[in-house]
Amino acid sequence: MANVDSVRRDAGDGGAALRRLSLRFVGQVQGVGFRWNARNTARSVGTTGWVRNESDGSVTMELQGTDEQIAAFFGAFNRVYVHYPIEYVIDEKDEIPVHESEHEFRVRL
């Protein structure tokens, strides 16, 4: 895992630092709109990155934003499935270097 200090960058909004997480989700994560809901949620809270299905049935995501944006992402994303509960866990989570030139969140096919 990378040193957290080495992956944080000034977001240009009053000193809030950007961070980037590499995440692997397992469980009911394919066939339930997981990637598209992640994209819509990320865009609504201002995070960037990408999400894709993996051949082993998991979903991989890179999520970038401030601590507040990342927290808002997970809060909003969990609310998406409140009426259609699915079971999933984050199997892997690592801090990785920020992509300073990234400006959107996309679904990778």
PDB file of N, CA and C in Angstrom:
ATOM      1  N   MET A   1       0.854  -1.176   0.000  1.00  0.00           N
ATOM      2  CA  MET A   1       0.000   0.000   0.000  1.00  0.00           C
ATOM      3  C   MET A   1       0.897   1.234   0.000  1.00  0.00           C
ATOM      4  N   ALA A   2       0.517   2.208  -0.789  1.00  0.00           N
ATOM      5  CA  ALA A   2       1.313   3.427  -0.909  1.00  0.00           C
ATOM      6  C   ALA A   2       1.190   4.273   0.352  1.00  0.00           C
ATOM      7  N   ASN A   3       2.195   5.059   0.603  1.00  0.00           N
ATOM      8  CA  ASN A   3       2.159   6.025   1.692  1.00  0.00           C
ATOM      9  C   ASN A   3       1.084   7.056   1.380  1.00  0.00           C
ATOM     10  N   VAL A   4       0.173   7.261   2.318  1.00  0.00           N
ATOM     11  CA  VAL A   4      -0.958   8.164   2.087  1.00  0.00           C
ATOM     12  C   VAL A   4      -0.481   9.562   1.728  1.00  0.00           C
ATOM     13  N   ASP A   5       0.584  10.051   2.373  1.00  0.00           N
ATOM     14  CA  ASP A   5       1.074  11.396   2.085  1.00  0.00           C
ATOM     15  C   ASP A   5       1.541  11.529   0.637  1.00  0.00           C
ATOM     16  N   SER A   6       2.016  10.440   0.044  1.00  0.00           N
ATOM     17  CA  SER A   6       2.535  10.523  -1.312  1.00  0.00           C
ATOM     18  C   SER A   6       1.433  10.535  -2.365  1.00  0.00           C
ATOM     19  N   VAL A   7       0.203  10.211  -1.997  1.00  0.00           N
ATOM     20  CA  VAL A   7      -0.865  10.155  -2.995  1.00  0.00           C
ATOM     21  C   VAL A   7      -1.874  11.277  -2.840  1.00  0.00           C
ATOM     22  N   ARG A   8      -1.755  12.103  -1.848  1.00  0.00           N
ATOM     23  CA  ARG A   8      -2.680  13.221  -1.671  1.00  0.00           C
ATOM     24  C   ARG A   8      -2.173  14.439  -2.416  1.00  0.00           C
ATOM     25  N   ARG A   9      -3.082  15.141  -3.057  1.00  0.00           N
ATOM     26  CA  ARG A   9      -2.728  16.355  -3.786  1.00  0.00           C
ATOM     27  C   ARG A   9      -3.729  17.441  -3.438  1.00  0.00           C
ATOM     28  N   ASP A  10      -3.286  18.676  -3.485  1.00  0.00           N
ATOM     29  CA  ASP A  10      -4.173  19.804  -3.234  1.00  0.00           C
ATOM     30  C   ASP A  10      -5.240  19.850  -4.312  1.00  0.00           C
ATOM     31  N   ALA A  11      -6.497  19.881  -3.915  1.00  0.00           N
ATOM     32  CA  ALA A  11      -7.604  19.903  -4.865  1.00  0.00           C
ATOM     33  C   ALA A  11      -7.893  21.303  -5.374  1.00  0.00           C
ATOM     34  N   GLY A  12      -7.224  22.317  -4.835  1.00  0.00           N
ATOM     35  CA  GLY A  12      -7.446  23.676  -5.297  1.00  0.00           C
ATOM     36  C   GLY A  12      -8.721  24.287  -4.761  1.00  0.00           C
ATOM     37  N   ASP A  13      -9.297  23.717  -3.722  1.00  0.00           N
ATOM     38  CA  ASP A  13     -10.545  24.243  -3.157  1.00  0.00           C
ATOM     39  C   ASP A  13     -10.380  24.538  -1.677  1.00  0.00           C
ATOM     40  N   GLY A  14      -9.403  25.374  -1.374  1.00  0.00           N
ATOM     41  CA  GLY A  14      -9.203  25.752   0.014  1.00  0.00           C
ATOM     42  C   GLY A  14      -8.353  24.768   0.789  1.00  0.00           C
ATOM     43  N   GLY A  15      -7.565  23.959   0.111  1.00  0.00           N
ATOM     44  CA  GLY A  15      -6.654  23.078   0.800  1.00  0.00           C
ATOM     45  C   GLY A  15      -7.124  21.652   0.952  1.00  0.00           C
ATOM     46  N   ALA A  16      -8.338  21.328   0.522  1.00  0.00           N
ATOM     47  CA  ALA A  16      -8.795  19.950   0.615  1.00  0.00           C
ATOM     48  C   ALA A  16      -7.943  19.087  -0.306  1.00  0.00           C
ATOM     49  N   ALA A  17      -7.435  17.996   0.220  1.00  0.00           N
ATOM     50  CA  ALA A  17      -6.549  17.129  -0.544  1.00  0.00           C
ATOM     51  C   ALA A  17      -7.339  16.100  -1.335  1.00  0.00           C
ATOM     52  N   LEU A  18      -6.874  15.849  -2.551  1.00  0.00           N
ATOM     53  CA  LEU A  18      -7.432  14.764  -3.346  1.00  0.00           C
ATOM     54  C   LEU A  18      -6.770  13.468  -2.929  1.00  0.00           C
ATOM     55  N   ARG A  19      -7.519  12.396  -2.993  1.00  0.00           N
ATOM     56  CA  ARG A  19      -6.968  11.066  -2.793  1.00  0.00           C
ATOM     57  C   ARG A  19      -7.615  10.143  -3.809  1.00  0.00           C
ATOM     58  N   ARG A  20      -6.987   9.029  -4.074  1.00  0.00           N
ATOM     59  CA  ARG A  20      -7.502   8.067  -5.046  1.00  0.00           C
ATOM     60  C   ARG A  20      -7.457   6.687  -4.415  1.00  0.00           C
ATOM     61  N   LEU A  21      -8.574   5.992  -4.507  1.00  0.00           N
ATOM     62  CA  LEU A  21      -8.685   4.651  -3.958  1.00  0.00           C
ATOM     63  C   LEU A  21      -8.859   3.640  -5.075  1.00  0.00           C
ATOM     64  N   SER A  22      -8.188   2.529  -4.951  1.00  0.00           N
ATOM     65  CA  SER A  22      -8.408   1.377  -5.809  1.00  0.00           C
ATOM     66  C   SER A  22      -9.239   0.397  -4.983  1.00  0.00           C
ATOM     67  N   LEU A  23     -10.408   0.014  -5.517  1.00  0.00           N
ATOM     68  CA  LEU A  23     -11.355  -0.814  -4.767  1.00  0.00           C
ATOM     69  C   LEU A  23     -11.748  -2.039  -5.577  1.00  0.00           C
ATOM     70  N   ARG A  24     -11.970  -3.146  -4.892  1.00  0.00           N
ATOM     71  CA  ARG A  24     -12.493  -4.361  -5.514  1.00  0.00           C
ATOM     72  C   ARG A  24     -13.714  -4.784  -4.712  1.00  0.00           C
ATOM     73  N   PHE A  25     -14.863  -4.829  -5.392  1.00  0.00           N
ATOM     74  CA  PHE A  25     -16.125  -5.219  -4.773  1.00  0.00           C
ATOM     75  C   PHE A  25     -16.456  -6.655  -5.159  1.00  0.00           C
ATOM     76  N   VAL A  26     -16.918  -7.438  -4.191  1.00  0.00           N
ATOM     77  CA  VAL A  26     -17.374  -8.801  -4.467  1.00  0.00           C
ATOM     78  C   VAL A  26     -18.759  -8.984  -3.866  1.00  0.00           C
ATOM     79  N   GLY A  27     -19.501  -9.940  -4.387  1.00  0.00           N
ATOM     80  CA  GLY A  27     -20.875 -10.206  -3.948  1.00  0.00           C
ATOM     81  C   GLY A  27     -21.802 -10.011  -5.127  1.00  0.00           C
ATOM     82  N   GLN A  28     -22.990  -9.462  -4.867  1.00  0.00           N
ATOM     83  CA  GLN A  28     -23.981  -9.212  -5.916  1.00  0.00           C
ATOM     84  C   GLN A  28     -23.655  -7.880  -6.585  1.00  0.00           C
ATOM     85  N   VAL A  29     -22.665  -7.894  -7.458  1.00  0.00           N
ATOM     86  CA  VAL A  29     -22.204  -6.641  -8.054  1.00  0.00           C
ATOM     87  C   VAL A  29     -22.301  -6.621  -9.575  1.00  0.00           C
ATOM     88  N   GLN A  30     -22.714  -7.711 -10.171  1.00  0.00           N
ATOM     89  CA  GLN A  30     -22.910  -7.725 -11.616  1.00  0.00           C
ATOM     90  C   GLN A  30     -24.367  -8.077 -11.890  1.00  0.00           C
ATOM     91  N   GLY A  31     -24.938  -7.412 -12.892  1.00  0.00           N
ATOM     92  CA  GLY A  31     -26.334  -7.657 -13.259  1.00  0.00           C
ATOM     93  C   GLY A  31     -27.331  -6.890 -12.405  1.00  0.00           C
ATOM     94  N   VAL A  32     -26.853  -5.922 -11.617  1.00  0.00           N
ATOM     95  CA  VAL A  32     -27.744  -5.150 -10.739  1.00  0.00           C
ATOM     96  C   VAL A  32     -27.582  -3.641 -10.946  1.00  0.00           C
ATOM     97  N   GLY A  33     -26.953  -3.243 -12.052  1.00  0.00           N
ATOM     98  CA  GLY A  33     -26.753  -1.825 -12.325  1.00  0.00           C
ATOM     99  C   GLY A  33     -25.649  -1.186 -11.506  1.00  0.00           C
ATOM    100  N   PHE A  34     -24.783  -1.982 -10.924  1.00  0.00           N
ATOM    101  CA  PHE A  34     -23.748  -1.494 -10.016  1.00  0.00           C
ATOM    102  C   PHE A  34     -22.855  -0.440 -10.675  1.00  0.00           C
ATOM    103  N   ARG A  35     -22.343  -0.731 -11.874  1.00  0.00           N
ATOM    104  CA  ARG A  35     -21.430   0.203 -12.538  1.00  0.00           C
ATOM    105  C   ARG A  35     -22.121   1.514 -12.901  1.00  0.00           C
ATOM    106  N   TRP A  36     -23.337   1.421 -13.420  1.00  0.00           N
ATOM    107  CA  TRP A  36     -24.054   2.622 -13.865  1.00  0.00           C
ATOM    108  C   TRP A  36     -24.488   3.460 -12.671  1.00  0.00           C
ATOM    109  N   ASN A  37     -24.898   2.810 -11.585  1.00  0.00           N
ATOM    110  CA  ASN A  37     -25.238   3.553 -10.371  1.00  0.00           C
ATOM    111  C   ASN A  37     -23.992   4.188  -9.758  1.00  0.00           C
ATOM    112  N   ALA A  38     -22.859   3.494  -9.832  1.00  0.00           N
ATOM    113  CA  ALA A  38     -21.607   4.070  -9.344  1.00  0.00           C
ATOM    114  C   ALA A  38     -21.262   5.312 -10.155  1.00  0.00           C
ATOM    115  N   ARG A  39     -21.392   5.227 -11.476  1.00  0.00           N
ATOM    116  CA  ARG A  39     -21.094   6.381 -12.333  1.00  0.00           C
ATOM    117  C   ARG A  39     -22.000   7.563 -12.012  1.00  0.00           C
ATOM    118  N   ASN A  40     -23.304   7.310 -11.924  1.00  0.00           N
ATOM    119  CA  ASN A  40     -24.244   8.399 -11.641  1.00  0.00           C
ATOM    120  C   ASN A  40     -23.987   9.013 -10.273  1.00  0.00           C
ATOM    121  N   THR A  41     -23.702   8.176  -9.294  1.00  0.00           N
ATOM    122  CA  THR A  41     -23.426   8.662  -7.943  1.00  0.00           C
ATOM    123  C   THR A  41     -22.133   9.474  -7.923  1.00  0.00           C
ATOM    124  N   ALA A  42     -21.099   8.956  -8.560  1.00  0.00           N
ATOM    125  CA  ALA A  42     -19.811   9.660  -8.594  1.00  0.00           C
ATOM    126  C   ALA A  42     -19.957  11.026  -9.243  1.00  0.00           C
ATOM    127  N   ARG A  43     -20.676  11.078 -10.328  1.00  0.00           N
ATOM    128  CA  ARG A  43     -20.859  12.355 -11.014  1.00  0.00           C
ATOM    129  C   ARG A  43     -21.662  13.333 -10.160  1.00  0.00           C
ATOM    130  N   SER A  44     -22.621  12.821  -9.399  1.00  0.00           N
ATOM    131  CA  SER A  44     -23.454  13.708  -8.582  1.00  0.00           C
ATOM    132  C   SER A  44     -22.697  14.316  -7.407  1.00  0.00           C
ATOM    133  N   VAL A  45     -21.662  13.640  -6.917  1.00  0.00           N
ATOM    134  CA  VAL A  45     -20.894  14.160  -5.777  1.00  0.00           C
ATOM    135  C   VAL A  45     -19.550  14.759  -6.190  1.00  0.00           C
ATOM    136  N   GLY A  46     -19.232  14.695  -7.491  1.00  0.00           N
ATOM    137  CA  GLY A  46     -18.033  15.339  -7.995  1.00  0.00           C
ATOM    138  C   GLY A  46     -16.761  14.520  -7.939  1.00  0.00           C
ATOM    139  N   THR A  47     -16.873  13.206  -7.748  1.00  0.00           N
ATOM    140  CA  THR A  47     -15.674  12.374  -7.777  1.00  0.00           C
ATOM    141  C   THR A  47     -15.372  11.961  -9.213  1.00  0.00           C
ATOM    142  N   THR A  48     -14.138  11.566  -9.454  1.00  0.00           N
ATOM    143  CA  THR A  48     -13.720  11.082 -10.760  1.00  0.00           C
ATOM    144  C   THR A  48     -13.208   9.660 -10.620  1.00  0.00           C
ATOM    145  N   GLY A  49     -12.897   9.031 -11.760  1.00  0.00           N
ATOM    146  CA  GLY A  49     -12.353   7.682 -11.742  1.00  0.00           C
ATOM    147  C   GLY A  49     -13.024   6.810 -12.776  1.00  0.00           C
ATOM    148  N   TRP A  50     -13.107   5.527 -12.470  1.00  0.00           N
ATOM    149  CA  TRP A  50     -13.727   4.578 -13.378  1.00  0.00           C
ATOM    150  C   TRP A  50     -14.173   3.335 -12.617  1.00  0.00           C
ATOM    151  N   VAL A  51     -15.025   2.537 -13.280  1.00  0.00           N
ATOM    152  CA  VAL A  51     -15.513   1.284 -12.719  1.00  0.00           C
ATOM    153  C   VAL A  51     -15.650   0.281 -13.859  1.00  0.00           C
ATOM    154  N   ARG A  52     -15.375  -1.006 -13.588  1.00  0.00           N
ATOM    155  CA  ARG A  52     -15.544  -2.038 -14.623  1.00  0.00           C
ATOM    156  C   ARG A  52     -15.830  -3.398 -13.987  1.00  0.00           C
ATOM    157  N   ASN A  53     -16.561  -4.224 -14.740  1.00  0.00           N
ATOM    158  CA  ASN A  53     -16.779  -5.615 -14.363  1.00  0.00           C
ATOM    159  C   ASN A  53     -15.515  -6.409 -14.650  1.00  0.00           C
ATOM    160  N   GLU A  54     -15.249  -7.391 -13.809  1.00  0.00           N
ATOM    161  CA  GLU A  54     -14.125  -8.295 -14.018  1.00  0.00           C
ATOM    162  C   GLU A  54     -14.660  -9.683 -14.363  1.00  0.00           C
ATOM    163  N   SER A  55     -13.853 -10.478 -15.026  1.00  0.00           N
ATOM    164  CA  SER A  55     -14.292 -11.803 -15.478  1.00  0.00           C
ATOM    165  C   SER A  55     -14.565 -12.769 -14.324  1.00  0.00           C
ATOM    166  N   ASP A  56     -14.040 -12.482 -13.136  1.00  0.00           N
ATOM    167  CA  ASP A  56     -14.272 -13.361 -11.985  1.00  0.00           C
ATOM    168  C   ASP A  56     -15.563 -13.020 -11.235  1.00  0.00           C
ATOM    169  N   GLY A  57     -16.361 -12.069 -11.753  1.00  0.00           N
ATOM    170  CA  GLY A  57     -17.621 -11.689 -11.113  1.00  0.00           C
ATOM    171  C   GLY A  57     -17.505 -10.508 -10.168  1.00  0.00           C
ATOM    172  N   SER A  58     -16.307 -10.000  -9.957  1.00  0.00           N
ATOM    173  CA  SER A  58     -16.117  -8.839  -9.095  1.00  0.00           C
ATOM    174  C   SER A  58     -16.227  -7.560  -9.924  1.00  0.00           C
ATOM    175  N   VAL A  59     -16.170  -6.422  -9.239  1.00  0.00           N
ATOM    176  CA  VAL A  59     -16.143  -5.121  -9.884  1.00  0.00           C
ATOM    177  C   VAL A  59     -14.957  -4.358  -9.317  1.00  0.00           C
ATOM    178  N   THR A  60     -14.171  -3.762 -10.213  1.00  0.00           N
ATOM    179  CA  THR A  60     -13.027  -2.950  -9.826  1.00  0.00           C
ATOM    180  C   THR A  60     -13.380  -1.485 -10.048  1.00  0.00           C
ATOM    181  N   MET A  61     -12.944  -0.638  -9.121  1.00  0.00           N
ATOM    182  CA  MET A  61     -13.204   0.795  -9.227  1.00  0.00           C
ATOM    183  C   MET A  61     -11.980   1.569  -8.765  1.00  0.00           C
ATOM    184  N   GLU A  62     -11.722   2.683  -9.435  1.00  0.00           N
ATOM    185  CA  GLU A  62     -10.795   3.686  -8.925  1.00  0.00           C
ATOM    186  C   GLU A  62     -11.622   4.933  -8.691  1.00  0.00           C
ATOM    187  N   LEU A  63     -11.581   5.450  -7.486  1.00  0.00           N
ATOM    188  CA  LEU A  63     -12.406   6.579  -7.067  1.00  0.00           C
ATOM    189  C   LEU A  63     -11.501   7.680  -6.544  1.00  0.00           C
ATOM    190  N   GLN A  64     -11.673   8.891  -7.093  1.00  0.00           N
ATOM    191  CA  GLN A  64     -10.816  10.018  -6.719  1.00  0.00           C
ATOM    192  C   GLN A  64     -11.644  11.220  -6.309  1.00  0.00           C
ATOM    193  N   GLY A  65     -11.264  11.832  -5.204  1.00  0.00           N
ATOM    194  CA  GLY A  65     -11.908  13.040  -4.721  1.00  0.00           C
ATOM    195  C   GLY A  65     -11.352  13.415  -3.374  1.00  0.00           C
ATOM    196  N   THR A  66     -11.956  14.414  -2.755  1.00  0.00           N
ATOM    197  CA  THR A  66     -11.583  14.789  -1.397  1.00  0.00           C
ATOM    198  C   THR A  66     -12.180  13.766  -0.435  1.00  0.00           C
ATOM    199  N   ASP A  67     -11.746  13.797   0.801  1.00  0.00           N
ATOM    200  CA  ASP A  67     -12.338  12.909   1.808  1.00  0.00           C
ATOM    201  C   ASP A  67     -13.856  13.099   1.872  1.00  0.00           C
ATOM    202  N   GLU A  68     -14.292  14.353   1.802  1.00  0.00           N
ATOM    203  CA  GLU A  68     -15.725  14.649   1.887  1.00  0.00           C
ATOM    204  C   GLU A  68     -16.473  14.098   0.681  1.00  0.00           C
ATOM    205  N   GLN A  69     -15.904  14.234  -0.505  1.00  0.00           N
ATOM    206  CA  GLN A  69     -16.546  13.701  -1.709  1.00  0.00           C
ATOM    207  C   GLN A  69     -16.618  12.181  -1.675  1.00  0.00           C
ATOM    208  N   ILE A  70     -15.557  11.548  -1.224  1.00  0.00           N
ATOM    209  CA  ILE A  70     -15.550  10.083  -1.152  1.00  0.00           C
ATOM    210  C   ILE A  70     -16.578   9.601  -0.136  1.00  0.00           C
ATOM    211  N   ALA A  71     -16.659  10.258   1.011  1.00  0.00           N
ATOM    212  CA  ALA A  71     -17.680   9.901   2.002  1.00  0.00           C
ATOM    213  C   ALA A  71     -19.077  10.106   1.431  1.00  0.00           C
ATOM    214  N   ALA A  72     -19.279  11.220   0.711  1.00  0.00           N
ATOM    215  CA  ALA A  72     -20.582  11.486   0.092  1.00  0.00           C
ATOM    216  C   ALA A  72     -20.905  10.425  -0.947  1.00  0.00           C
ATOM    217  N   PHE A  73     -19.901   9.968  -1.702  1.00  0.00           N
ATOM    218  CA  PHE A  73     -20.119   8.914  -2.691  1.00  0.00           C
ATOM    219  C   PHE A  73     -20.678   7.665  -2.007  1.00  0.00           C
ATOM    220  N   PHE A  74     -20.003   7.191  -0.958  1.00  0.00           N
ATOM    221  CA  PHE A  74     -20.437   5.952  -0.323  1.00  0.00           C
ATOM    222  C   PHE A  74     -21.797   6.098   0.347  1.00  0.00           C
ATOM    223  N   GLY A  75     -22.077   7.247   0.942  1.00  0.00           N
ATOM    224  CA  GLY A  75     -23.399   7.471   1.531  1.00  0.00           C
ATOM    225  C   GLY A  75     -24.493   7.440   0.480  1.00  0.00           C
ATOM    226  N   ALA A  76     -24.282   8.153  -0.615  1.00  0.00           N
ATOM    227  CA  ALA A  76     -25.286   8.205  -1.684  1.00  0.00           C
ATOM    228  C   ALA A  76     -25.408   6.861  -2.388  1.00  0.00           C
ATOM    229  N   PHE A  77     -24.286   6.187  -2.616  1.00  0.00           N
ATOM    230  CA  PHE A  77     -24.322   4.893  -3.305  1.00  0.00           C
ATOM    231  C   PHE A  77     -25.089   3.865  -2.487  1.00  0.00           C
ATOM    232  N   ASN A  78     -24.896   3.851  -1.181  1.00  0.00           N
ATOM    233  CA  ASN A  78     -25.634   2.915  -0.325  1.00  0.00           C
ATOM    234  C   ASN A  78     -27.132   3.193  -0.366  1.00  0.00           C
ATOM    235  N   ARG A  79     -27.515   4.466  -0.482  1.00  0.00           N
ATOM    236  CA  ARG A  79     -28.945   4.802  -0.551  1.00  0.00           C
ATOM    237  C   ARG A  79     -29.592   4.348  -1.855  1.00  0.00           C
ATOM    238  N   VAL A  80     -28.801   4.201  -2.915  1.00  0.00           N
ATOM    239  CA  VAL A  80     -29.346   3.737  -4.202  1.00  0.00           C
ATOM    240  C   VAL A  80     -30.017   2.379  -4.037  1.00  0.00           C
ATOM    241  N   TYR A  81     -29.431   1.528  -3.234  1.00  0.00           N
ATOM    242  CA  TYR A  81     -29.916   0.148  -3.104  1.00  0.00           C
ATOM    243  C   TYR A  81     -30.777  -0.088  -1.866  1.00  0.00           C
ATOM    244  N   VAL A  82     -31.211   0.961  -1.211  1.00  0.00           N
ATOM    245  CA  VAL A  82     -31.994   0.790   0.011  1.00  0.00           C
ATOM    246  C   VAL A  82     -33.306   0.027  -0.244  1.00  0.00           C
ATOM    247  N   HIS A  83     -33.927   0.234  -1.405  1.00  0.00           N
ATOM    248  CA  HIS A  83     -35.176  -0.465  -1.720  1.00  0.00           C
ATOM    249  C   HIS A  83     -34.942  -1.719  -2.554  1.00  0.00           C
ATOM    250  N   TYR A  84     -33.726  -1.936  -2.978  1.00  0.00           N
ATOM    251  CA  TYR A  84     -33.356  -3.121  -3.731  1.00  0.00           C
ATOM    252  C   TYR A  84     -32.032  -3.602  -3.161  1.00  0.00           C
ATOM    253  N   PRO A  85     -32.104  -4.157  -1.948  1.00  0.00           N
ATOM    254  CA  PRO A  85     -30.856  -4.492  -1.254  1.00  0.00           C
ATOM    255  C   PRO A  85     -30.060  -5.578  -1.981  1.00  0.00           C
ATOM    256  N   ILE A  86     -28.789  -5.307  -2.119  1.00  0.00           N
ATOM    257  CA  ILE A  86     -27.849  -6.291  -2.633  1.00  0.00           C
ATOM    258  C   ILE A  86     -26.775  -6.475  -1.572  1.00  0.00           C
ATOM    259  N   GLU A  87     -26.115  -7.604  -1.641  1.00  0.00           N
ATOM    260  CA  GLU A  87     -25.046  -7.858  -0.680  1.00  0.00           C
ATOM    261  C   GLU A  87     -23.707  -7.807  -1.395  1.00  0.00           C
ATOM    262  N   TYR A  88     -22.844  -6.934  -0.905  1.00  0.00           N
ATOM    263  CA  TYR A  88     -21.491  -6.839  -1.448  1.00  0.00           C
ATOM    264  C   TYR A  88     -20.563  -6.346  -0.349  1.00  0.00           C
ATOM    265  N   VAL A  89     -19.293  -6.611  -0.550  1.00  0.00           N
ATOM    266  CA  VAL A  89     -18.266  -6.113   0.363  1.00  0.00           C
ATOM    267  C   VAL A  89     -17.111  -5.563  -0.470  1.00  0.00           C
ATOM    268  N   ILE A  90     -16.352  -4.692   0.140  1.00  0.00           N
ATOM    269  CA  ILE A  90     -15.111  -4.228  -0.467  1.00  0.00           C
ATOM    270  C   ILE A  90     -14.034  -5.217  -0.047  1.00  0.00           C
ATOM    271  N   ASP A  91     -13.587  -6.004  -1.005  1.00  0.00           N
ATOM    272  CA  ASP A  91     -12.618  -7.064  -0.753  1.00  0.00           C
ATOM    273  C   ASP A  91     -11.189  -6.531  -0.688  1.00  0.00           C
ATOM    274  N   GLU A  92     -10.911  -5.486  -1.464  1.00  0.00           N
ATOM    275  CA  GLU A  92      -9.586  -4.871  -1.468  1.00  0.00           C
ATOM    276  C   GLU A  92      -9.741  -3.363  -1.541  1.00  0.00           C
ATOM    277  N   LYS A  93      -8.879  -2.650  -0.827  1.00  0.00           N
ATOM    278  CA  LYS A  93      -8.892  -1.182  -0.855  1.00  0.00           C
ATOM    279  C   LYS A  93      -7.467  -0.700  -0.648  1.00  0.00           C
ATOM    280  N   ASP A  94      -6.975   0.081  -1.615  1.00  0.00           N
ATOM    281  CA  ASP A  94      -5.623   0.616  -1.530  1.00  0.00           C
ATOM    282  C   ASP A  94      -5.614   2.076  -1.937  1.00  0.00           C
ATOM    283  N   GLU A  95      -4.746   2.859  -1.318  1.00  0.00           N
ATOM    284  CA  GLU A  95      -4.476   4.227  -1.743  1.00  0.00           C
ATOM    285  C   GLU A  95      -3.523   4.132  -2.927  1.00  0.00           C
ATOM    286  N   ILE A  96      -3.818   4.869  -3.993  1.00  0.00           N
ATOM    287  CA  ILE A  96      -2.956   4.885  -5.172  1.00  0.00           C
ATOM    288  C   ILE A  96      -2.731   6.336  -5.586  1.00  0.00           C
ATOM    289  N   PRO A  97      -1.779   6.587  -6.474  1.00  0.00           N
ATOM    290  CA  PRO A  97      -1.503   7.971  -6.879  1.00  0.00           C
ATOM    291  C   PRO A  97      -2.696   8.643  -7.561  1.00  0.00           C
ATOM    292  N   VAL A  98      -2.843   9.913  -7.285  1.00  0.00           N
ATOM    293  CA  VAL A  98      -3.890  10.747  -7.872  1.00  0.00           C
ATOM    294  C   VAL A  98      -3.599  10.954  -9.353  1.00  0.00           C
ATOM    295  N   HIS A  99      -4.659  10.975 -10.169  1.00  0.00           N
ATOM    296  CA  HIS A  99      -4.565  11.316 -11.595  1.00  0.00           C
ATOM    297  C   HIS A  99      -5.042  12.750 -11.738  1.00  0.00           C
ATOM    298  N   GLU A 100      -4.126  13.675 -11.736  1.00  0.00           N
ATOM    299  CA  GLU A 100      -4.474  15.093 -11.711  1.00  0.00           C
ATOM    300  C   GLU A 100      -5.205  15.572 -12.961  1.00  0.00           C
ATOM    301  N   SER A 101      -5.023  14.910 -14.079  1.00  0.00           N
ATOM    302  CA  SER A 101      -5.655  15.356 -15.327  1.00  0.00           C
ATOM    303  C   SER A 101      -7.038  14.738 -15.552  1.00  0.00           C
ATOM    304  N   GLU A 102      -7.504  13.929 -14.639  1.00  0.00           N
ATOM    305  CA  GLU A 102      -8.806  13.264 -14.805  1.00  0.00           C
ATOM    306  C   GLU A 102      -9.941  14.217 -14.427  1.00  0.00           C
ATOM    307  N   HIS A 103     -11.002  14.223 -15.266  1.00  0.00           N
ATOM    308  CA  HIS A 103     -12.091  15.171 -15.045  1.00  0.00           C
ATOM    309  C   HIS A 103     -13.472  14.543 -14.989  1.00  0.00           C
ATOM    310  N   GLU A 104     -13.580  13.217 -15.078  1.00  0.00           N
ATOM    311  CA  GLU A 104     -14.900  12.578 -15.037  1.00  0.00           C
ATOM    312  C   GLU A 104     -14.797  11.182 -14.483  1.00  0.00           C
ATOM    313  N   PHE A 105     -15.943  10.600 -14.234  1.00  0.00           N
ATOM    314  CA  PHE A 105     -16.030   9.205 -13.800  1.00  0.00           C
ATOM    315  C   PHE A 105     -16.678   8.424 -14.945  1.00  0.00           C
ATOM    316  N   ARG A 106     -16.054   7.329 -15.352  1.00  0.00           N
ATOM    317  CA  ARG A 106     -16.589   6.563 -16.475  1.00  0.00           C
ATOM    318  C   ARG A 106     -16.738   5.086 -16.162  1.00  0.00           C
ATOM    319  N   VAL A 107     -17.603   4.457 -16.929  1.00  0.00           N
ATOM    320  CA  VAL A 107     -17.753   3.011 -16.909  1.00  0.00           C
ATOM    321  C   VAL A 107     -16.834   2.457 -17.991  1.00  0.00           C
ATOM    322  N   ARG A 108     -15.960   1.567 -17.591  1.00  0.00           N
ATOM    323  CA  ARG A 108     -15.093   0.892 -18.568  1.00  0.00           C
ATOM    324  C   ARG A 108     -15.738  -0.434 -18.919  1.00  0.00           C
ATOM    325  N   LEU A 109     -15.823  -0.693 -20.204  1.00  0.00           N
ATOM    326  CA  LEU A 109     -16.437  -1.939 -20.663  1.00  0.00           C
ATOM    327  C   LEU A 109     -15.390  -2.980 -20.982  1.00  0.00           C
TER     328      LEU A 109
END
